[in-house]
Amino acid sequence: MEQTNYGPGILAFLVIAAIGLALFFLIKSMNRQIAKIQTPDDRHENGTRTNGGDK
């Protein structure tokens, strides 16, 4: 019987698919983490600067 030899085509496809899947989940996780970040508000309610700006 003749042996079927799978070349680098199927192996390369599986590696690229695994990298793509990992990238998808990493980006999804990164977006969740970035959404949790609270940026400081530059505006002050009384209009004064407390960081040494103009008085």
N, C-alpha and C. Protein backbone atom coordinates (compact mmCIF):
# COMPACT_ATOMS: atom_id res chain seq x y z
N MET A 1 0.83 -1.18 0.00
CA MET A 1 0.00 0.00 0.00
C MET A 1 0.88 1.24 0.00
N GLU A 2 0.31 2.25 -0.56
CA GLU A 2 1.04 3.50 -0.64
C GLU A 2 0.76 4.35 0.60
N GLN A 3 1.83 4.87 1.20
CA GLN A 3 1.67 5.71 2.38
C GLN A 3 1.32 7.13 1.95
N THR A 4 0.42 7.70 2.71
CA THR A 4 0.05 9.08 2.44
C THR A 4 0.96 9.98 3.26
N ASN A 5 1.62 10.87 2.58
CA ASN A 5 2.56 11.76 3.24
C ASN A 5 1.97 13.16 3.28
N TYR A 6 1.73 13.64 4.47
CA TYR A 6 1.25 15.01 4.61
C TYR A 6 2.46 15.93 4.71
N GLY A 7 2.55 16.83 3.79
CA GLY A 7 3.68 17.75 3.77
C GLY A 7 3.49 18.88 4.76
N PRO A 8 4.32 19.88 4.64
CA PRO A 8 4.25 21.00 5.57
C PRO A 8 2.96 21.81 5.40
N GLY A 9 2.21 21.54 4.36
CA GLY A 9 0.97 22.28 4.12
C GLY A 9 -0.02 22.16 5.27
N ILE A 10 -0.33 20.94 5.69
CA ILE A 10 -1.31 20.74 6.75
C ILE A 10 -0.73 21.17 8.10
N LEU A 11 0.53 20.90 8.32
CA LEU A 11 1.17 21.30 9.58
C LEU A 11 1.25 22.82 9.67
N ALA A 12 1.62 23.46 8.60
CA ALA A 12 1.70 24.92 8.59
C ALA A 12 0.32 25.53 8.81
N PHE A 13 -0.69 24.95 8.21
CA PHE A 13 -2.05 25.45 8.41
C PHE A 13 -2.46 25.34 9.87
N LEU A 14 -2.17 24.24 10.51
CA LEU A 14 -2.54 24.06 11.91
C LEU A 14 -1.80 25.04 12.82
N VAL A 15 -0.53 25.28 12.53
CA VAL A 15 0.25 26.23 13.33
C VAL A 15 -0.31 27.64 13.17
N ILE A 16 -0.57 28.05 11.94
CA ILE A 16 -1.11 29.38 11.69
C ILE A 16 -2.50 29.53 12.30
N ALA A 17 -3.32 28.49 12.21
CA ALA A 17 -4.65 28.54 12.82
C ALA A 17 -4.56 28.67 14.33
N ALA A 18 -3.63 27.96 14.96
CA ALA A 18 -3.45 28.06 16.41
C ALA A 18 -2.97 29.45 16.81
N ILE A 19 -2.05 30.02 16.04
CA ILE A 19 -1.56 31.38 16.32
C ILE A 19 -2.70 32.39 16.16
N GLY A 20 -3.49 32.24 15.13
CA GLY A 20 -4.62 33.14 14.91
C GLY A 20 -5.65 33.05 16.03
N LEU A 21 -5.93 31.84 16.49
CA LEU A 21 -6.88 31.64 17.58
C LEU A 21 -6.35 32.26 18.88
N ALA A 22 -5.06 32.05 19.15
CA ALA A 22 -4.46 32.65 20.34
C ALA A 22 -4.49 34.17 20.25
N LEU A 23 -4.22 34.71 19.08
CA LEU A 23 -4.24 36.16 18.88
C LEU A 23 -5.64 36.71 19.12
N PHE A 24 -6.65 36.01 18.64
CA PHE A 24 -8.04 36.44 18.84
C PHE A 24 -8.36 36.56 20.32
N PHE A 25 -8.02 35.54 21.10
CA PHE A 25 -8.33 35.56 22.52
C PHE A 25 -7.48 36.59 23.28
N LEU A 26 -6.24 36.79 22.85
CA LEU A 26 -5.39 37.80 23.49
C LEU A 26 -5.94 39.21 23.25
N ILE A 27 -6.37 39.49 22.05
CA ILE A 27 -6.92 40.81 21.75
C ILE A 27 -8.23 41.02 22.50
N LYS A 28 -9.04 39.98 22.58
CA LYS A 28 -10.30 40.06 23.33
C LYS A 28 -10.02 40.37 24.80
N SER A 29 -9.05 39.70 25.38
CA SER A 29 -8.69 39.93 26.77
C SER A 29 -8.10 41.33 26.96
N MET A 30 -7.28 41.78 26.02
CA MET A 30 -6.68 43.10 26.11
C MET A 30 -7.76 44.18 26.08
N ASN A 31 -8.75 44.03 25.23
CA ASN A 31 -9.83 45.01 25.17
C ASN A 31 -10.61 45.07 26.48
N ARG A 32 -10.80 43.92 27.11
CA ARG A 32 -11.48 43.90 28.41
C ARG A 32 -10.65 44.63 29.46
N GLN A 33 -9.33 44.41 29.46
CA GLN A 33 -8.47 45.05 30.44
C GLN A 33 -8.39 46.57 30.20
N ILE A 34 -8.33 46.99 28.95
CA ILE A 34 -8.27 48.41 28.64
C ILE A 34 -9.57 49.09 29.04
N ALA A 35 -10.70 48.42 28.88
CA ALA A 35 -11.98 49.00 29.26
C ALA A 35 -12.07 49.23 30.76
N LYS A 36 -11.32 48.49 31.56
CA LYS A 36 -11.34 48.65 33.01
C LYS A 36 -10.55 49.86 33.49
N ILE A 37 -9.65 50.38 32.66
CA ILE A 37 -8.79 51.49 33.06
C ILE A 37 -9.63 52.75 33.16
N GLN A 38 -9.50 53.44 34.28
CA GLN A 38 -10.18 54.71 34.46
C GLN A 38 -9.17 55.83 34.29
N THR A 39 -9.43 56.71 33.35
CA THR A 39 -8.51 57.82 33.11
C THR A 39 -8.81 58.94 34.09
N PRO A 40 -7.79 59.63 34.54
CA PRO A 40 -8.03 60.76 35.46
C PRO A 40 -8.71 61.90 34.73
N ASP A 41 -9.60 62.56 35.44
CA ASP A 41 -10.33 63.67 34.86
C ASP A 41 -9.49 64.94 35.01
N ASP A 42 -9.19 65.60 33.90
CA ASP A 42 -8.36 66.80 33.94
C ASP A 42 -9.12 68.03 34.42
N ARG A 43 -10.42 68.00 34.34
CA ARG A 43 -11.21 69.14 34.75
C ARG A 43 -11.45 69.09 36.26
N HIS A 44 -11.33 70.23 36.88
CA HIS A 44 -11.63 70.34 38.31
C HIS A 44 -12.95 71.10 38.45
N GLU A 45 -13.70 70.77 39.45
CA GLU A 45 -15.02 71.37 39.61
C GLU A 45 -14.95 72.85 39.96
N ASN A 46 -13.92 73.27 40.69
CA ASN A 46 -13.82 74.67 41.07
C ASN A 46 -12.97 75.49 40.10
N GLY A 47 -12.41 74.89 39.10
CA GLY A 47 -11.66 75.61 38.07
C GLY A 47 -10.23 75.95 38.44
N THR A 48 -9.74 75.55 39.60
CA THR A 48 -8.37 75.88 39.98
C THR A 48 -7.44 74.72 39.64
N ARG A 49 -6.19 75.06 39.46
CA ARG A 49 -5.19 74.03 39.17
C ARG A 49 -4.43 73.73 40.44
N THR A 50 -4.18 72.46 40.68
CA THR A 50 -3.45 72.08 41.90
C THR A 50 -2.07 71.54 41.57
N ASN A 51 -1.70 71.54 40.31
CA ASN A 51 -0.42 70.97 39.93
C ASN A 51 0.64 72.02 39.64
N GLY A 52 0.52 73.21 40.23
CA GLY A 52 1.53 74.24 40.03
C GLY A 52 1.32 75.08 38.81
N GLY A 53 0.13 75.10 38.27
CA GLY A 53 -0.15 75.90 37.08
C GLY A 53 -0.36 77.35 37.44
N ASP A 54 -0.89 78.12 36.52
CA ASP A 54 -1.14 79.55 36.77
C ASP A 54 -2.17 79.72 37.88
N LYS A 55 -1.96 80.77 38.66
CA LYS A 55 -2.89 81.03 39.77
C LYS A 55 -3.87 82.10 39.43
